[in-house]
């Protein structure tokens, strides 16, 4: 059987959000510049991406975009950076951020959110997944702001690694569907899937449009099989509010250092 593995060398980081729930920590800085230990979230991501062989990273900016330009110039270990500005960041969600990056993408890519703290295994698992698309999941974090992946389990490699197909992605409960994991915010996206998502966005977007990329993936699951990969014991957290920040400092960062 022919492998459908594709080498990935490009990443997109969605960093246009205003981070209103973190203002007491960030002030007027974008939340991707939140310091965890001695590094910002986005600099940690970029260093990890470079170490995993990613040569190019597109940063989609919005709120206080100039701070990213200044901050990341000082970073020694990073892929080659390109910045794309989402002018309508204040009234759009993450799908529009991805949409404005469309013309800069000519190959399959990694898609990451800017507010993540995670172990490098998250990237490695997605990069080496055999298939053009995959959405990374973990076991439930009980963070209070979970986005769940519903679907069907197809293969269980061991106690913690499960792969399957997605039927929905949502914060809402679906009693008739099976929860397979929690959305991490790291995915591998093919150009084919990107084009479908962007076509769907053009056809359905009405501004203000606060919908996020995972909602579009959820909508498209009925028309295209999109796989998930659950790494159950993955060490990670998103940082959207004060409680997430405290969890990152007290629980996640010490585990990453160890």
Protein backbone atom coordinates (compact mmCIF):
# COMPACT_ATOMS: atom_id res chain seq x y z
CA UNK A 1 0.00 0.00 0.00
CA UNK A 2 1.32 3.46 -0.90
CA UNK A 3 1.96 5.75 2.07
CA UNK A 4 0.16 9.09 2.09
CA UNK A 5 2.82 10.66 4.31
CA UNK A 6 3.76 14.17 3.25
CA UNK A 7 6.78 16.04 4.60
CA UNK A 8 5.68 19.19 6.39
CA UNK A 9 7.95 22.24 6.37
CA UNK A 10 5.48 25.11 6.96
CA UNK A 11 3.45 26.12 10.01
CA UNK A 12 0.71 28.70 10.52
CA UNK A 13 0.25 30.21 13.98
CA UNK A 14 -3.06 31.98 14.58
CA UNK A 15 -2.17 34.96 16.78
CA UNK A 16 -4.78 37.62 15.99
CA UNK A 17 -6.90 37.29 19.13
CA UNK A 18 -7.34 40.08 21.66
CA UNK A 19 -6.90 37.92 24.77
CA UNK A 20 -9.41 39.92 26.79
CA UNK A 21 -9.60 37.33 29.60
CA UNK A 22 -5.83 37.65 30.15
CA UNK A 23 -5.59 41.44 30.27
CA UNK A 24 -4.72 41.40 33.97
CA UNK A 25 -1.59 39.42 33.03
CA UNK A 26 -0.68 40.74 29.58
CA UNK A 27 -1.86 44.35 29.70
CA UNK A 28 -2.04 45.42 26.08
CA UNK A 29 0.22 42.67 24.76
CA UNK A 30 -1.18 39.87 22.58
CA UNK A 31 -1.66 36.68 24.58
CA UNK A 32 0.92 34.77 22.52
CA UNK A 33 3.53 36.99 24.20
CA UNK A 34 2.54 35.86 27.69
CA UNK A 35 5.69 34.81 29.57
CA UNK A 36 5.75 31.30 31.00
CA UNK A 37 8.99 30.83 32.86
CA UNK A 38 11.68 32.65 30.90
CA UNK A 39 10.00 32.50 27.46
CA UNK A 40 6.84 33.67 25.75
CA UNK A 41 4.31 31.12 24.54
CA UNK A 42 4.93 31.89 20.87
CA UNK A 43 8.72 31.78 21.19
CA UNK A 44 8.42 28.33 22.79
CA UNK A 45 6.28 27.19 19.86
CA UNK A 46 8.66 28.57 17.27
CA UNK A 47 11.68 26.96 18.88
CA UNK A 48 9.86 23.62 19.01
CA UNK A 49 8.77 23.95 15.39
CA UNK A 50 12.33 24.66 14.27
CA UNK A 51 13.63 21.68 16.24
CA UNK A 52 11.04 19.46 14.51
CA UNK A 53 12.26 20.50 11.04
CA UNK A 54 9.77 23.28 10.26
CA UNK A 55 11.57 25.84 8.09
CA UNK A 56 8.84 28.46 7.62
CA UNK A 57 6.25 29.89 9.98
CA UNK A 58 3.44 32.26 9.05
CA UNK A 59 2.20 34.33 11.99
CA UNK A 60 -1.32 35.71 11.50
CA UNK A 61 -1.48 38.84 13.64
CA UNK A 62 -4.29 41.16 14.67
CA UNK A 63 -4.34 42.85 18.06
CA UNK A 64 -1.14 44.86 18.74
CA UNK A 65 0.64 43.27 15.77
CA UNK A 66 3.86 45.32 16.08
CA UNK A 67 4.71 43.63 19.38
CA UNK A 68 5.12 40.30 17.60
CA UNK A 69 7.49 41.81 15.04
CA UNK A 70 9.70 43.34 17.73
CA UNK A 71 9.63 40.36 20.10
CA UNK A 72 10.38 37.69 17.53
CA UNK A 73 13.30 39.53 15.95
CA UNK A 74 15.22 38.72 19.13
CA UNK A 75 14.59 34.98 18.95
CA UNK A 76 17.69 33.02 17.96
CA UNK A 77 16.11 29.61 17.19
CA UNK A 78 13.12 29.97 14.89
CA UNK A 79 11.91 29.12 11.39
CA UNK A 80 11.90 31.80 8.71
CA UNK A 81 9.03 34.09 9.69
CA UNK A 82 6.34 35.76 7.61
CA UNK A 83 3.66 37.99 9.08
CA UNK A 84 0.12 38.30 7.74
CA UNK A 85 -2.21 40.85 9.32
CA UNK A 86 -5.92 40.19 9.77
CA UNK A 87 -7.39 43.69 9.60
CA UNK A 88 -10.80 42.58 10.87
CA UNK A 89 -9.42 40.77 13.91
CA UNK A 90 -11.74 42.55 16.36
CA UNK A 91 -14.89 41.14 14.78
CA UNK A 92 -13.74 37.79 13.43
CA UNK A 93 -12.76 34.40 14.81
CA UNK A 94 -9.82 32.15 14.01
CA UNK A 95 -11.29 30.90 10.72
CA UNK A 96 -10.97 34.35 9.20
CA UNK A 97 -7.36 34.50 10.39
CA UNK A 98 -6.67 31.28 8.52
CA UNK A 99 -8.57 32.61 5.52
CA UNK A 100 -6.33 35.70 5.19
CA UNK A 101 -3.26 33.41 5.17
CA UNK A 102 -4.63 31.28 2.31
CA UNK A 103 -2.67 32.95 -0.50
CA UNK A 104 0.60 32.42 1.35
CA UNK A 105 0.15 28.65 1.45
CA UNK A 106 1.22 26.41 -1.42
CA UNK A 107 1.66 23.13 0.47
CA UNK A 108 0.23 21.13 3.36
CA UNK A 109 1.02 22.73 6.73
CA UNK A 110 0.78 22.60 10.50
CA UNK A 111 -1.86 24.80 12.12
CA UNK A 112 -1.32 26.00 15.69
CA UNK A 113 -3.03 28.34 18.11
CA UNK A 114 -0.81 30.94 19.77
CA UNK A 115 -1.88 30.36 23.38
CA UNK A 116 -0.55 26.82 23.85
CA UNK A 117 2.07 25.38 26.18
CA UNK A 118 2.90 21.80 25.15
CA UNK A 119 5.49 19.07 24.93
CA UNK A 120 7.30 18.48 21.63
CA UNK A 121 5.60 15.08 21.25
CA UNK A 122 2.48 17.02 20.20
CA UNK A 123 4.24 18.28 17.08
CA UNK A 124 6.04 15.05 16.34
CA UNK A 125 2.82 13.02 16.53
CA UNK A 126 1.04 15.26 14.05
CA UNK A 127 3.97 15.72 11.65
CA UNK A 128 4.52 11.95 11.40
CA UNK A 129 0.86 11.00 11.06
CA UNK A 130 0.35 9.09 7.81
CA UNK A 131 -2.28 11.07 6.01
CA UNK A 132 -2.71 14.61 4.69
CA UNK A 133 -4.96 15.79 7.54
CA UNK A 134 -5.17 15.11 11.25
CA UNK A 135 -6.57 16.92 14.29
CA UNK A 136 -4.70 16.33 17.54
CA UNK A 137 -6.66 15.39 20.65
CA UNK A 138 -5.83 14.52 24.24
CA UNK A 139 -7.70 13.08 27.17
CA UNK A 140 -9.91 15.56 29.04
CA UNK A 141 -7.99 18.30 30.85
CA UNK A 142 -10.98 19.56 32.89
CA UNK A 143 -9.80 23.09 32.19
CA UNK A 144 -13.30 24.52 32.15
CA UNK A 145 -13.09 25.66 28.53
CA UNK A 146 -12.87 22.35 26.69
CA UNK A 147 -13.61 21.84 23.01
CA UNK A 148 -14.50 18.19 22.49
CA UNK A 149 -13.86 15.97 19.50
CA UNK A 150 -16.71 13.55 18.83
CA UNK A 151 -16.22 10.62 16.54
CA UNK A 152 -15.54 6.96 15.93
CA UNK A 153 -12.49 5.08 17.12
CA UNK A 154 -10.82 3.16 14.27
CA UNK A 155 -7.51 1.99 15.70
CA UNK A 156 -5.99 1.80 19.17
CA UNK A 157 -2.21 1.56 18.99
CA UNK A 158 -1.66 1.30 22.76
CA UNK A 159 -3.18 2.54 26.02
CA UNK A 160 -2.79 6.21 25.07
CA UNK A 161 -2.66 6.43 21.24
CA UNK A 162 -6.00 6.25 19.41
CA UNK A 163 -6.91 7.25 15.88
CA UNK A 164 -10.32 7.59 14.34
CA UNK A 165 -12.70 9.76 12.33
CA UNK A 166 -14.35 12.97 13.48
CA UNK A 167 -18.10 13.46 13.45
CA UNK A 168 -18.21 16.82 15.28
CA UNK A 169 -16.05 19.32 17.17
CA UNK A 170 -17.81 21.47 19.72
CA UNK A 171 -18.01 22.82 23.26
CA UNK A 172 -21.64 21.73 23.25
CA UNK A 173 -22.66 18.29 24.54
CA UNK A 174 -23.98 15.83 21.97
CA UNK A 175 -25.58 12.97 23.95
CA UNK A 176 -25.93 10.77 20.85
CA UNK A 177 -22.24 11.08 19.91
CA UNK A 178 -19.14 9.62 21.53
CA UNK A 179 -16.49 11.97 22.94
CA UNK A 180 -13.09 10.82 21.68
CA UNK A 181 -10.91 13.51 23.20
CA UNK A 182 -10.25 17.18 23.70
CA UNK A 183 -9.08 19.50 20.93
CA UNK A 184 -5.46 20.52 21.54
CA UNK A 185 -5.09 23.24 18.91
CA UNK A 186 -2.39 21.59 16.79
CA UNK A 187 -3.39 20.09 13.43
CA UNK A 188 -2.02 19.01 10.08
CA UNK A 189 -4.05 20.56 7.27
CA UNK A 190 -3.79 19.69 3.58
CA UNK A 191 -4.23 22.30 0.86
CA UNK A 192 -7.30 20.39 -0.25
CA UNK A 193 -8.96 20.72 3.15
CA UNK A 194 -7.84 24.36 3.46
CA UNK A 195 -9.48 25.20 0.13
CA UNK A 196 -12.73 23.55 1.24
CA UNK A 197 -12.68 25.47 4.50
CA UNK A 198 -12.01 28.77 2.75
CA UNK A 199 -14.71 28.17 0.13
CA UNK A 200 -17.15 27.41 2.93
CA UNK A 201 -16.08 30.58 4.73
CA UNK A 202 -16.61 32.73 1.65
CA UNK A 203 -20.05 31.22 1.14
CA UNK A 204 -21.27 31.54 4.73
CA UNK A 205 -19.38 34.36 6.43
CA UNK A 206 -21.37 37.36 7.62
CA UNK A 207 -19.52 40.02 9.59
CA UNK A 208 -19.01 40.10 12.46
CA UNK A 209 -18.00 36.44 12.03
CA UNK A 210 -16.71 34.96 15.28
CA UNK A 211 -16.61 31.33 14.11
CA UNK A 212 -13.42 29.36 14.57
CA UNK A 213 -11.55 27.03 12.23
CA UNK A 214 -12.55 23.91 14.21
CA UNK A 215 -16.23 24.74 13.65
CA UNK A 216 -15.63 24.64 9.90
CA UNK A 217 -13.82 21.33 10.20
CA UNK A 218 -16.80 20.06 12.17
CA UNK A 219 -19.23 21.22 9.48
CA UNK A 220 -17.18 19.56 6.73
CA UNK A 221 -16.90 16.17 8.47
CA UNK A 222 -20.16 15.02 6.93
CA UNK A 223 -18.70 15.56 3.44
CA UNK A 224 -15.09 14.52 3.97
CA UNK A 225 -13.49 12.02 6.33
CA UNK A 226 -11.20 13.95 8.68
CA UNK A 227 -9.16 11.93 11.18
CA UNK A 228 -8.24 12.64 14.76
CA UNK A 229 -5.24 11.35 16.66
CA UNK A 230 -5.62 11.15 20.42
CA UNK A 231 -2.45 11.17 22.50
CA UNK A 232 -4.15 10.56 25.79
CA UNK A 233 -1.33 11.41 28.18
CA UNK A 234 -0.13 14.51 26.34
CA UNK A 235 1.29 17.28 28.55
CA UNK A 236 -0.24 20.56 27.44
CA UNK A 237 -2.58 23.43 28.23
CA UNK A 238 -4.16 26.36 26.50
CA UNK A 239 -3.96 29.66 28.35
CA UNK A 240 -7.14 31.67 28.00
CA UNK A 241 -7.64 32.93 31.54
CA UNK A 242 -6.10 33.24 35.02
CA UNK A 243 -6.89 29.64 36.02
CA UNK A 244 -5.20 28.31 32.88
CA UNK A 245 -2.16 30.49 33.60
CA UNK A 246 -1.87 29.16 37.14
CA UNK A 247 -2.21 25.57 35.89
CA UNK A 248 0.53 26.25 33.33
CA UNK A 249 2.93 27.52 36.00
CA UNK A 250 2.15 25.02 38.75
CA UNK A 251 1.48 21.84 36.79
CA UNK A 252 2.43 21.91 33.10
CA UNK A 253 5.74 23.80 33.07
CA UNK A 254 7.31 21.67 35.85
CA UNK A 255 6.36 18.51 33.92
CA UNK A 256 7.87 19.91 30.73
CA UNK A 257 11.09 20.84 32.52
CA UNK A 258 11.30 17.39 34.12
